[in-house]
Amino acid sequence: MIIHANVLITILSYILAIISAIIVGLFLRMPILPERPMRYSFTISIVFPTSVLAIGFTAILFKLGHNGLLVAVVVGVLTAIFAKYFLESLLPKPQTEESS
């Protein structure tokens, strides 16, 4: 099986987007994992949704024709900043019901 150069650059770009999002998230003091129990936690963390958003935004830009390693690093940085400061105001936490 032959792997073409474009595929290797794309995979490397996804990895760079994740790594840059993780590094910037650590600098911004975001938690690595959400609170426990994880399935009911809406805490914004590095693993979810920051890394997932970095992959998604990178894929969108690649589909629009903006390829490259520098694009992936910039997307990772911007995604971490977006997740830290703007994501909760855009998608607020759901209201929990008070038990009587």
PDB file of N, CA and C in Angstrom:
ATOM      1  N   MET A   1       0.837  -1.167   0.000  1.00  0.00           N
ATOM      2  CA  MET A   1       0.000   0.000   0.000  1.00  0.00           C
ATOM      3  C   MET A   1       0.890   1.240   0.000  1.00  0.00           C
ATOM      4  N   ILE A   2       0.621   2.143  -0.893  1.00  0.00           N
ATOM      5  CA  ILE A   2       1.401   3.361  -1.019  1.00  0.00           C
ATOM      6  C   ILE A   2       0.649   4.488  -0.320  1.00  0.00           C
ATOM      7  N   ILE A   3       1.342   5.182   0.565  1.00  0.00           N
ATOM      8  CA  ILE A   3       0.762   6.344   1.232  1.00  0.00           C
ATOM      9  C   ILE A   3       1.329   7.574   0.546  1.00  0.00           C
ATOM     10  N   HIS A   4       0.460   8.386   0.029  1.00  0.00           N
ATOM     11  CA  HIS A   4       0.885   9.569  -0.698  1.00  0.00           C
ATOM     12  C   HIS A   4       1.318  10.666   0.262  1.00  0.00           C
ATOM     13  N   ALA A   5       2.091  11.597  -0.237  1.00  0.00           N
ATOM     14  CA  ALA A   5       2.621  12.672   0.596  1.00  0.00           C
ATOM     15  C   ALA A   5       1.510  13.551   1.160  1.00  0.00           C
ATOM     16  N   ASN A   6       0.442  13.756   0.420  1.00  0.00           N
ATOM     17  CA  ASN A   6      -0.658  14.587   0.913  1.00  0.00           C
ATOM     18  C   ASN A   6      -1.318  13.975   2.134  1.00  0.00           C
ATOM     19  N   VAL A   7      -1.422  12.654   2.160  1.00  0.00           N
ATOM     20  CA  VAL A   7      -2.034  11.980   3.304  1.00  0.00           C
ATOM     21  C   VAL A   7      -1.142  12.128   4.530  1.00  0.00           C
ATOM     22  N   LEU A   8       0.143  11.989   4.368  1.00  0.00           N
ATOM     23  CA  LEU A   8       1.054  12.138   5.502  1.00  0.00           C
ATOM     24  C   LEU A   8       1.036  13.562   6.046  1.00  0.00           C
ATOM     25  N   ILE A   9       1.000  14.546   5.174  1.00  0.00           N
ATOM     26  CA  ILE A   9       0.946  15.936   5.629  1.00  0.00           C
ATOM     27  C   ILE A   9      -0.382  16.215   6.335  1.00  0.00           C
ATOM     28  N   THR A  10      -1.462  15.644   5.844  1.00  0.00           N
ATOM     29  CA  THR A  10      -2.765  15.841   6.481  1.00  0.00           C
ATOM     30  C   THR A  10      -2.792  15.217   7.871  1.00  0.00           C
ATOM     31  N   ILE A  11      -2.297  14.001   8.002  1.00  0.00           N
ATOM     32  CA  ILE A  11      -2.262  13.345   9.311  1.00  0.00           C
ATOM     33  C   ILE A  11      -1.348  14.100  10.266  1.00  0.00           C
ATOM     34  N   LEU A  12      -0.193  14.529   9.775  1.00  0.00           N
ATOM     35  CA  LEU A  12       0.715  15.306  10.604  1.00  0.00           C
ATOM     36  C   LEU A  12       0.093  16.645  11.005  1.00  0.00           C
ATOM     37  N   SER A  13      -0.693  17.231  10.134  1.00  0.00           N
ATOM     38  CA  SER A  13      -1.370  18.490  10.450  1.00  0.00           C
ATOM     39  C   SER A  13      -2.412  18.294  11.550  1.00  0.00           C
ATOM     40  N   TYR A  14      -3.164  17.210  11.486  1.00  0.00           N
ATOM     41  CA  TYR A  14      -4.133  16.918  12.550  1.00  0.00           C
ATOM     42  C   TYR A  14      -3.420  16.736  13.889  1.00  0.00           C
ATOM     43  N   ILE A  15      -2.314  16.011  13.876  1.00  0.00           N
ATOM     44  CA  ILE A  15      -1.559  15.786  15.115  1.00  0.00           C
ATOM     45  C   ILE A  15      -1.005  17.101  15.647  1.00  0.00           C
ATOM     46  N   LEU A  16      -0.490  17.947  14.774  1.00  0.00           N
ATOM     47  CA  LEU A  16       0.017  19.251  15.205  1.00  0.00           C
ATOM     48  C   LEU A  16      -1.092  20.146  15.757  1.00  0.00           C
ATOM     49  N   ALA A  17      -2.270  20.079  15.184  1.00  0.00           N
ATOM     50  CA  ALA A  17      -3.393  20.866  15.699  1.00  0.00           C
ATOM     51  C   ALA A  17      -3.751  20.421  17.110  1.00  0.00           C
ATOM     52  N   ILE A  18      -3.766  19.118  17.347  1.00  0.00           N
ATOM     53  CA  ILE A  18      -4.070  18.605  18.685  1.00  0.00           C
ATOM     54  C   ILE A  18      -2.984  19.000  19.673  1.00  0.00           C
ATOM     55  N   ILE A  19      -1.720  18.830  19.287  1.00  0.00           N
ATOM     56  CA  ILE A  19      -0.611  19.149  20.189  1.00  0.00           C
ATOM     57  C   ILE A  19      -0.581  20.637  20.520  1.00  0.00           C
ATOM     58  N   SER A  20      -0.778  21.485  19.524  1.00  0.00           N
ATOM     59  CA  SER A  20      -0.761  22.928  19.812  1.00  0.00           C
ATOM     60  C   SER A  20      -1.949  23.328  20.677  1.00  0.00           C
ATOM     61  N   ALA A  21      -3.110  22.697  20.490  1.00  0.00           N
ATOM     62  CA  ALA A  21      -4.267  22.987  21.339  1.00  0.00           C
ATOM     63  C   ALA A  21      -4.003  22.541  22.776  1.00  0.00           C
ATOM     64  N   ILE A  22      -3.336  21.401  22.944  1.00  0.00           N
ATOM     65  CA  ILE A  22      -3.023  20.919  24.286  1.00  0.00           C
ATOM     66  C   ILE A  22      -2.022  21.833  24.971  1.00  0.00           C
ATOM     67  N   ILE A  23      -0.987  22.253  24.268  1.00  0.00           N
ATOM     68  CA  ILE A  23       0.037  23.109  24.868  1.00  0.00           C
ATOM     69  C   ILE A  23      -0.551  24.464  25.264  1.00  0.00           C
ATOM     70  N   VAL A  24      -1.321  25.071  24.392  1.00  0.00           N
ATOM     71  CA  VAL A  24      -1.930  26.364  24.722  1.00  0.00           C
ATOM     72  C   VAL A  24      -2.960  26.194  25.832  1.00  0.00           C
ATOM     73  N   GLY A  25      -3.692  25.091  25.831  1.00  0.00           N
ATOM     74  CA  GLY A  25      -4.640  24.815  26.913  1.00  0.00           C
ATOM     75  C   GLY A  25      -3.948  24.670  28.258  1.00  0.00           C
ATOM     76  N   LEU A  26      -2.773  24.060  28.272  1.00  0.00           N
ATOM     77  CA  LEU A  26      -2.013  23.964  29.516  1.00  0.00           C
ATOM     78  C   LEU A  26      -1.523  25.334  29.971  1.00  0.00           C
ATOM     79  N   PHE A  27      -1.096  26.183  29.033  1.00  0.00           N
ATOM     80  CA  PHE A  27      -0.683  27.543  29.387  1.00  0.00           C
ATOM     81  C   PHE A  27      -1.852  28.362  29.932  1.00  0.00           C
ATOM     82  N   LEU A  28      -3.050  28.101  29.415  1.00  0.00           N
ATOM     83  CA  LEU A  28      -4.237  28.814  29.883  1.00  0.00           C
ATOM     84  C   LEU A  28      -4.832  28.191  31.143  1.00  0.00           C
ATOM     85  N   ARG A  29      -4.196  27.177  31.675  1.00  0.00           N
ATOM     86  CA  ARG A  29      -4.600  26.479  32.903  1.00  0.00           C
ATOM     87  C   ARG A  29      -5.991  25.848  32.797  1.00  0.00           C
ATOM     88  N   MET A  30      -6.251  25.223  31.660  1.00  0.00           N
ATOM     89  CA  MET A  30      -7.484  24.464  31.504  1.00  0.00           C
ATOM     90  C   MET A  30      -7.272  23.086  32.120  1.00  0.00           C
ATOM     91  N   PRO A  31      -8.321  22.472  32.680  1.00  0.00           N
ATOM     92  CA  PRO A  31      -8.159  21.115  33.207  1.00  0.00           C
ATOM     93  C   PRO A  31      -7.922  20.119  32.066  1.00  0.00           C
ATOM     94  N   ILE A  32      -7.120  19.107  32.349  1.00  0.00           N
ATOM     95  CA  ILE A  32      -6.831  18.112  31.312  1.00  0.00           C
ATOM     96  C   ILE A  32      -8.055  17.238  31.057  1.00  0.00           C
ATOM     97  N   LEU A  33      -8.676  16.759  32.128  1.00  0.00           N
ATOM     98  CA  LEU A  33      -9.879  15.936  32.020  1.00  0.00           C
ATOM     99  C   LEU A  33     -11.040  16.646  32.699  1.00  0.00           C
ATOM    100  N   PRO A  34     -12.278  16.370  32.276  1.00  0.00           N
ATOM    101  CA  PRO A  34     -13.432  16.973  32.946  1.00  0.00           C
ATOM    102  C   PRO A  34     -13.644  16.379  34.335  1.00  0.00           C
ATOM    103  N   GLU A  35     -14.552  16.996  35.097  1.00  0.00           N
ATOM    104  CA  GLU A  35     -14.849  16.534  36.448  1.00  0.00           C
ATOM    105  C   GLU A  35     -15.484  15.150  36.410  1.00  0.00           C
ATOM    106  N   ARG A  36     -15.456  14.502  37.548  1.00  0.00           N
ATOM    107  CA  ARG A  36     -16.088  13.185  37.670  1.00  0.00           C
ATOM    108  C   ARG A  36     -17.505  13.351  38.167  1.00  0.00           C
ATOM    109  N   PRO A  37     -18.480  12.587  37.816  1.00  0.00           N
ATOM    110  CA  PRO A  37     -18.491  11.602  36.744  1.00  0.00           C
ATOM    111  C   PRO A  37     -18.464  12.295  35.384  1.00  0.00           C
ATOM    112  N   MET A  38     -17.650  11.757  34.500  1.00  0.00           N
ATOM    113  CA  MET A  38     -17.390  12.429  33.219  1.00  0.00           C
ATOM    114  C   MET A  38     -18.627  12.511  32.331  1.00  0.00           C
ATOM    115  N   ARG A  39     -19.520  11.557  32.448  1.00  0.00           N
ATOM    116  CA  ARG A  39     -20.653  11.579  31.520  1.00  0.00           C
ATOM    117  C   ARG A  39     -21.655  12.681  31.865  1.00  0.00           C
ATOM    118  N   TYR A  40     -21.658  13.164  33.104  1.00  0.00           N
ATOM    119  CA  TYR A  40     -22.549  14.248  33.490  1.00  0.00           C
ATOM    120  C   TYR A  40     -21.819  15.577  33.660  1.00  0.00           C
ATOM    121  N   SER A  41     -20.558  15.608  33.321  1.00  0.00           N
ATOM    122  CA  SER A  41     -19.761  16.807  33.499  1.00  0.00           C
ATOM    123  C   SER A  41     -19.802  17.661  32.237  1.00  0.00           C
ATOM    124  N   PHE A  42     -20.003  18.947  32.440  1.00  0.00           N
ATOM    125  CA  PHE A  42     -19.976  19.882  31.324  1.00  0.00           C
ATOM    126  C   PHE A  42     -18.805  20.839  31.464  1.00  0.00           C
ATOM    127  N   THR A  43     -17.757  20.374  32.137  1.00  0.00           N
ATOM    128  CA  THR A  43     -16.558  21.179  32.302  1.00  0.00           C
ATOM    129  C   THR A  43     -15.766  21.170  30.997  1.00  0.00           C
ATOM    130  N   ILE A  44     -15.337  22.342  30.562  1.00  0.00           N
ATOM    131  CA  ILE A  44     -14.535  22.435  29.348  1.00  0.00           C
ATOM    132  C   ILE A  44     -13.112  22.064  29.709  1.00  0.00           C
ATOM    133  N   SER A  45     -12.560  21.075  29.026  1.00  0.00           N
ATOM    134  CA  SER A  45     -11.220  20.592  29.336  1.00  0.00           C
ATOM    135  C   SER A  45     -10.392  20.503  28.059  1.00  0.00           C
ATOM    136  N   ILE A  46      -9.149  20.079  28.222  1.00  0.00           N
ATOM    137  CA  ILE A  46      -8.252  19.972  27.072  1.00  0.00           C
ATOM    138  C   ILE A  46      -8.637  18.790  26.182  1.00  0.00           C
ATOM    139  N   VAL A  47      -8.970  17.660  26.806  1.00  0.00           N
ATOM    140  CA  VAL A  47      -9.273  16.457  26.028  1.00  0.00           C
ATOM    141  C   VAL A  47     -10.576  16.620  25.255  1.00  0.00           C
ATOM    142  N   PHE A  48     -11.609  17.095  25.933  1.00  0.00           N
ATOM    143  CA  PHE A  48     -12.893  17.311  25.268  1.00  0.00           C
ATOM    144  C   PHE A  48     -13.464  18.611  25.771  1.00  0.00           C
ATOM    145  N   PRO A  49     -13.830  19.518  24.985  1.00  0.00           N
ATOM    146  CA  PRO A  49     -13.991  19.541  23.544  1.00  0.00           C
ATOM    147  C   PRO A  49     -12.847  20.193  22.786  1.00  0.00           C
ATOM    148  N   THR A  50     -11.778  20.640  23.479  1.00  0.00           N
ATOM    149  CA  THR A  50     -10.749  21.433  22.798  1.00  0.00           C
ATOM    150  C   THR A  50     -10.063  20.652  21.684  1.00  0.00           C
ATOM    151  N   SER A  51      -9.607  19.438  21.966  1.00  0.00           N
ATOM    152  CA  SER A  51      -8.913  18.644  20.943  1.00  0.00           C
ATOM    153  C   SER A  51      -9.839  18.249  19.801  1.00  0.00           C
ATOM    154  N   VAL A  52     -11.073  17.940  20.140  1.00  0.00           N
ATOM    155  CA  VAL A  52     -12.042  17.557  19.107  1.00  0.00           C
ATOM    156  C   VAL A  52     -12.366  18.749  18.209  1.00  0.00           C
ATOM    157  N   LEU A  53     -12.509  19.924  18.805  1.00  0.00           N
ATOM    158  CA  LEU A  53     -12.750  21.123  17.999  1.00  0.00           C
ATOM    159  C   LEU A  53     -11.553  21.455  17.113  1.00  0.00           C
ATOM    160  N   ALA A  54     -10.342  21.218  17.619  1.00  0.00           N
ATOM    161  CA  ALA A  54      -9.146  21.490  16.809  1.00  0.00           C
ATOM    162  C   ALA A  54      -9.124  20.600  15.567  1.00  0.00           C
ATOM    163  N   ILE A  55      -9.463  19.335  15.729  1.00  0.00           N
ATOM    164  CA  ILE A  55      -9.513  18.430  14.575  1.00  0.00           C
ATOM    165  C   ILE A  55     -10.608  18.863  13.604  1.00  0.00           C
ATOM    166  N   GLY A  56     -11.767  19.228  14.141  1.00  0.00           N
ATOM    167  CA  GLY A  56     -12.883  19.623  13.284  1.00  0.00           C
ATOM    168  C   GLY A  56     -12.610  20.887  12.503  1.00  0.00           C
ATOM    169  N   PHE A  57     -12.079  21.913  13.181  1.00  0.00           N
ATOM    170  CA  PHE A  57     -11.774  23.162  12.485  1.00  0.00           C
ATOM    171  C   PHE A  57     -10.660  22.974  11.458  1.00  0.00           C
ATOM    172  N   THR A  58      -9.687  22.115  11.777  1.00  0.00           N
ATOM    173  CA  THR A  58      -8.623  21.827  10.812  1.00  0.00           C
ATOM    174  C   THR A  58      -9.195  21.135   9.577  1.00  0.00           C
ATOM    175  N   ALA A  59     -10.096  20.192   9.778  1.00  0.00           N
ATOM    176  CA  ALA A  59     -10.712  19.493   8.650  1.00  0.00           C
ATOM    177  C   ALA A  59     -11.539  20.447   7.789  1.00  0.00           C
ATOM    178  N   ILE A  60     -12.242  21.367   8.442  1.00  0.00           N
ATOM    179  CA  ILE A  60     -13.038  22.340   7.681  1.00  0.00           C
ATOM    180  C   ILE A  60     -12.135  23.223   6.820  1.00  0.00           C
ATOM    181  N   LEU A  61     -11.039  23.707   7.400  1.00  0.00           N
ATOM    182  CA  LEU A  61     -10.130  24.553   6.623  1.00  0.00           C
ATOM    183  C   LEU A  61      -9.450  23.784   5.500  1.00  0.00           C
ATOM    184  N   PHE A  62      -9.125  22.515   5.740  1.00  0.00           N
ATOM    185  CA  PHE A  62      -8.528  21.710   4.671  1.00  0.00           C
ATOM    186  C   PHE A  62      -9.519  21.511   3.532  1.00  0.00           C
ATOM    187  N   LYS A  63     -10.782  21.314   3.865  1.00  0.00           N
ATOM    188  CA  LYS A  63     -11.794  21.131   2.831  1.00  0.00           C
ATOM    189  C   LYS A  63     -11.994  22.424   2.033  1.00  0.00           C
ATOM    190  N   LEU A  64     -11.794  23.569   2.689  1.00  0.00           N
ATOM    191  CA  LEU A  64     -11.916  24.852   1.999  1.00  0.00           C
ATOM    192  C   LEU A  64     -10.673  25.202   1.188  1.00  0.00           C
ATOM    193  N   GLY A  65      -9.615  24.403   1.313  1.00  0.00           N
ATOM    194  CA  GLY A  65      -8.435  24.599   0.489  1.00  0.00           C
ATOM    195  C   GLY A  65      -7.247  25.221   1.181  1.00  0.00           C
ATOM    196  N   HIS A  66      -7.303  25.409   2.478  1.00  0.00           N
ATOM    197  CA  HIS A  66      -6.188  25.989   3.225  1.00  0.00           C
ATOM    198  C   HIS A  66      -5.402  24.867   3.892  1.00  0.00           C
ATOM    199  N   ASN A  67      -4.410  24.328   3.189  1.00  0.00           N
ATOM    200  CA  ASN A  67      -3.620  23.215   3.713  1.00  0.00           C
ATOM    201  C   ASN A  67      -2.319  23.727   4.302  1.00  0.00           C
ATOM    202  N   GLY A  68      -1.702  22.900   5.127  1.00  0.00           N
ATOM    203  CA  GLY A  68      -0.381  23.234   5.627  1.00  0.00           C
ATOM    204  C   GLY A  68      -0.241  23.020   7.120  1.00  0.00           C
ATOM    205  N   LEU A  69       1.011  22.893   7.525  1.00  0.00           N
ATOM    206  CA  LEU A  69       1.309  22.663   8.934  1.00  0.00           C
ATOM    207  C   LEU A  69       1.096  23.934   9.748  1.00  0.00           C
ATOM    208  N   LEU A  70       1.402  25.084   9.164  1.00  0.00           N
ATOM    209  CA  LEU A  70       1.213  26.341   9.874  1.00  0.00           C
ATOM    210  C   LEU A  70      -0.271  26.605  10.141  1.00  0.00           C
ATOM    211  N   VAL A  71      -1.117  26.246   9.203  1.00  0.00           N
ATOM    212  CA  VAL A  71      -2.559  26.393   9.390  1.00  0.00           C
ATOM    213  C   VAL A  71      -3.020  25.533  10.560  1.00  0.00           C
ATOM    214  N   ALA A  72      -2.488  24.327  10.676  1.00  0.00           N
ATOM    215  CA  ALA A  72      -2.873  23.431  11.760  1.00  0.00           C
ATOM    216  C   ALA A  72      -2.450  23.978  13.116  1.00  0.00           C
ATOM    217  N   VAL A  73      -1.256  24.543  13.196  1.00  0.00           N
ATOM    218  CA  VAL A  73      -0.788  25.109  14.467  1.00  0.00           C
ATOM    219  C   VAL A  73      -1.627  26.320  14.852  1.00  0.00           C
ATOM    220  N   VAL A  74      -1.924  27.179  13.903  1.00  0.00           N
ATOM    221  CA  VAL A  74      -2.750  28.367  14.183  1.00  0.00           C
ATOM    222  C   VAL A  74      -4.147  27.947  14.620  1.00  0.00           C
ATOM    223  N   VAL A  75      -4.711  26.941  13.970  1.00  0.00           N
ATOM    224  CA  VAL A  75      -6.041  26.453  14.349  1.00  0.00           C
ATOM    225  C   VAL A  75      -6.011  25.876  15.763  1.00  0.00           C
ATOM    226  N   GLY A  76      -4.969  25.146  16.110  1.00  0.00           N
ATOM    227  CA  GLY A  76      -4.861  24.605  17.468  1.00  0.00           C
ATOM    228  C   GLY A  76      -4.800  25.695  18.518  1.00  0.00           C
ATOM    229  N   VAL A  77      -4.029  26.739  18.260  1.00  0.00           N
ATOM    230  CA  VAL A  77      -3.920  27.861  19.204  1.00  0.00           C
ATOM    231  C   VAL A  77      -5.263  28.584  19.330  1.00  0.00           C
ATOM    232  N   LEU A  78      -5.880  28.896  18.203  1.00  0.00           N
ATOM    233  CA  LEU A  78      -7.153  29.607  18.240  1.00  0.00           C
ATOM    234  C   LEU A  78      -8.269  28.767  18.862  1.00  0.00           C
ATOM    235  N   THR A  79      -8.235  27.468  18.669  1.00  0.00           N
ATOM    236  CA  THR A  79      -9.247  26.601  19.252  1.00  0.00           C
ATOM    237  C   THR A  79      -9.131  26.566  20.774  1.00  0.00           C
ATOM    238  N   ALA A  80      -7.912  26.519  21.295  1.00  0.00           N
ATOM    239  CA  ALA A  80      -7.741  26.522  22.747  1.00  0.00           C
ATOM    240  C   ALA A  80      -8.216  27.838  23.348  1.00  0.00           C
ATOM    241  N   ILE A  81      -7.900  28.945  22.692  1.00  0.00           N
ATOM    242  CA  ILE A  81      -8.364  30.251  23.183  1.00  0.00           C
ATOM    243  C   ILE A  81      -9.890  30.346  23.094  1.00  0.00           C
ATOM    244  N   PHE A  82     -10.460  29.848  22.011  1.00  0.00           N
ATOM    245  CA  PHE A  82     -11.916  29.837  21.841  1.00  0.00           C
ATOM    246  C   PHE A  82     -12.591  28.988  22.912  1.00  0.00           C
ATOM    247  N   ALA A  83     -12.042  27.808  23.183  1.00  0.00           N
ATOM    248  CA  ALA A  83     -12.648  26.920  24.177  1.00  0.00           C
ATOM    249  C   ALA A  83     -12.548  27.509  25.580  1.00  0.00           C
ATOM    250  N   LYS A  84     -11.471  28.193  25.879  1.00  0.00           N
ATOM    251  CA  LYS A  84     -11.283  28.753  27.211  1.00  0.00           C
ATOM    252  C   LYS A  84     -12.186  29.953  27.456  1.00  0.00           C
ATOM    253  N   TYR A  85     -12.287  30.869  26.519  1.00  0.00           N
ATOM    254  CA  TYR A  85     -12.941  32.139  26.780  1.00  0.00           C
ATOM    255  C   TYR A  85     -14.322  32.313  26.157  1.00  0.00           C
ATOM    256  N   PHE A  86     -14.620  31.650  25.053  1.00  0.00           N
ATOM    257  CA  PHE A  86     -15.856  31.939  24.331  1.00  0.00           C
ATOM    258  C   PHE A  86     -16.850  30.790  24.260  1.00  0.00           C
ATOM    259  N   LEU A  87     -16.423  29.561  24.479  1.00  0.00           N
ATOM    260  CA  LEU A  87     -17.303  28.410  24.244  1.00  0.00           C
ATOM    261  C   LEU A  87     -18.456  28.352  25.236  1.00  0.00           C
ATOM    262  N   GLU A  88     -18.191  28.647  26.497  1.00  0.00           N
ATOM    263  CA  GLU A  88     -19.263  28.556  27.492  1.00  0.00           C
ATOM    264  C   GLU A  88     -20.316  29.647  27.302  1.00  0.00           C
ATOM    265  N   SER A  89     -19.921  30.802  26.805  1.00  0.00           N
ATOM    266  CA  SER A  89     -20.928  31.831  26.544  1.00  0.00           C
ATOM    267  C   SER A  89     -21.727  31.507  25.278  1.00  0.00           C
ATOM    268  N   LEU A  90     -21.110  30.797  24.358  1.00  0.00           N
ATOM    269  CA  LEU A  90     -21.810  30.400  23.138  1.00  0.00           C
ATOM    270  C   LEU A  90     -22.735  29.214  23.387  1.00  0.00           C
ATOM    271  N   LEU A  91     -22.256  28.223  24.137  1.00  0.00           N
ATOM    272  CA  LEU A  91     -23.038  27.039  24.486  1.00  0.00           C
ATOM    273  C   LEU A  91     -23.055  26.896  26.008  1.00  0.00           C
ATOM    274  N   PRO A  92     -24.018  27.494  26.696  1.00  0.00           N
ATOM    275  CA  PRO A  92     -24.020  27.461  28.162  1.00  0.00           C
ATOM    276  C   PRO A  92     -24.321  26.058  28.697  1.00  0.00           C
ATOM    277  N   LYS A  93     -23.951  25.868  29.960  1.00  0.00           N
ATOM    278  CA  LYS A  93     -24.233  24.585  30.626  1.00  0.00           C
ATOM    279  C   LYS A  93     -25.737  24.427  30.778  1.00  0.00           C
ATOM    280  N   PRO A  94     -26.229  23.180  30.674  1.00  0.00           N
ATOM    281  CA  PRO A  94     -27.680  22.982  30.863  1.00  0.00           C
ATOM    282  C   PRO A  94     -28.049  23.182  32.324  1.00  0.00           C
ATOM    283  N   GLN A  95     -29.274  23.632  32.551  1.00  0.00           N
ATOM    284  CA  GLN A  95     -29.740  23.846  33.900  1.00  0.00           C
ATOM    285  C   GLN A  95     -30.064  22.507  34.536  1.00  0.00           C
ATOM    286  N   THR A  96     -29.610  22.315  35.756  1.00  0.00           N
ATOM    287  CA  THR A  96     -29.914  21.060  36.473  1.00  0.00           C
ATOM    288  C   THR A  96     -31.150  21.252  37.311  1.00  0.00           C
ATOM    289  N   GLU A  97     -31.892  20.175  37.459  1.00  0.00           N
ATOM    290  CA  GLU A  97     -33.109  20.220  38.267  1.00  0.00           C
ATOM    291  C   GLU A  97     -32.746  20.037  39.727  1.00  0.00           C
ATOM    292  N   GLU A  98     -33.355  20.824  40.565  1.00  0.00           N
ATOM    293  CA  GLU A  98     -33.145  20.702  42.003  1.00  0.00           C
ATOM    294  C   GLU A  98     -34.013  19.564  42.509  1.00  0.00           C
ATOM    295  N   SER A  99     -33.421  18.626  43.234  1.00  0.00           N
ATOM    296  CA  SER A  99     -34.206  17.509  43.781  1.00  0.00           C
ATOM    297  C   SER A  99     -34.871  17.960  45.081  1.00  0.00           C
ATOM    298  N   SER A 100     -36.141  17.576  45.268  1.00  0.00           N
ATOM    299  CA  SER A 100     -36.888  18.017  46.443  1.00  0.00           C
ATOM    300  C   SER A 100     -36.750  17.051  47.577  1.00  0.00           C
TER     301      SER A 100
END
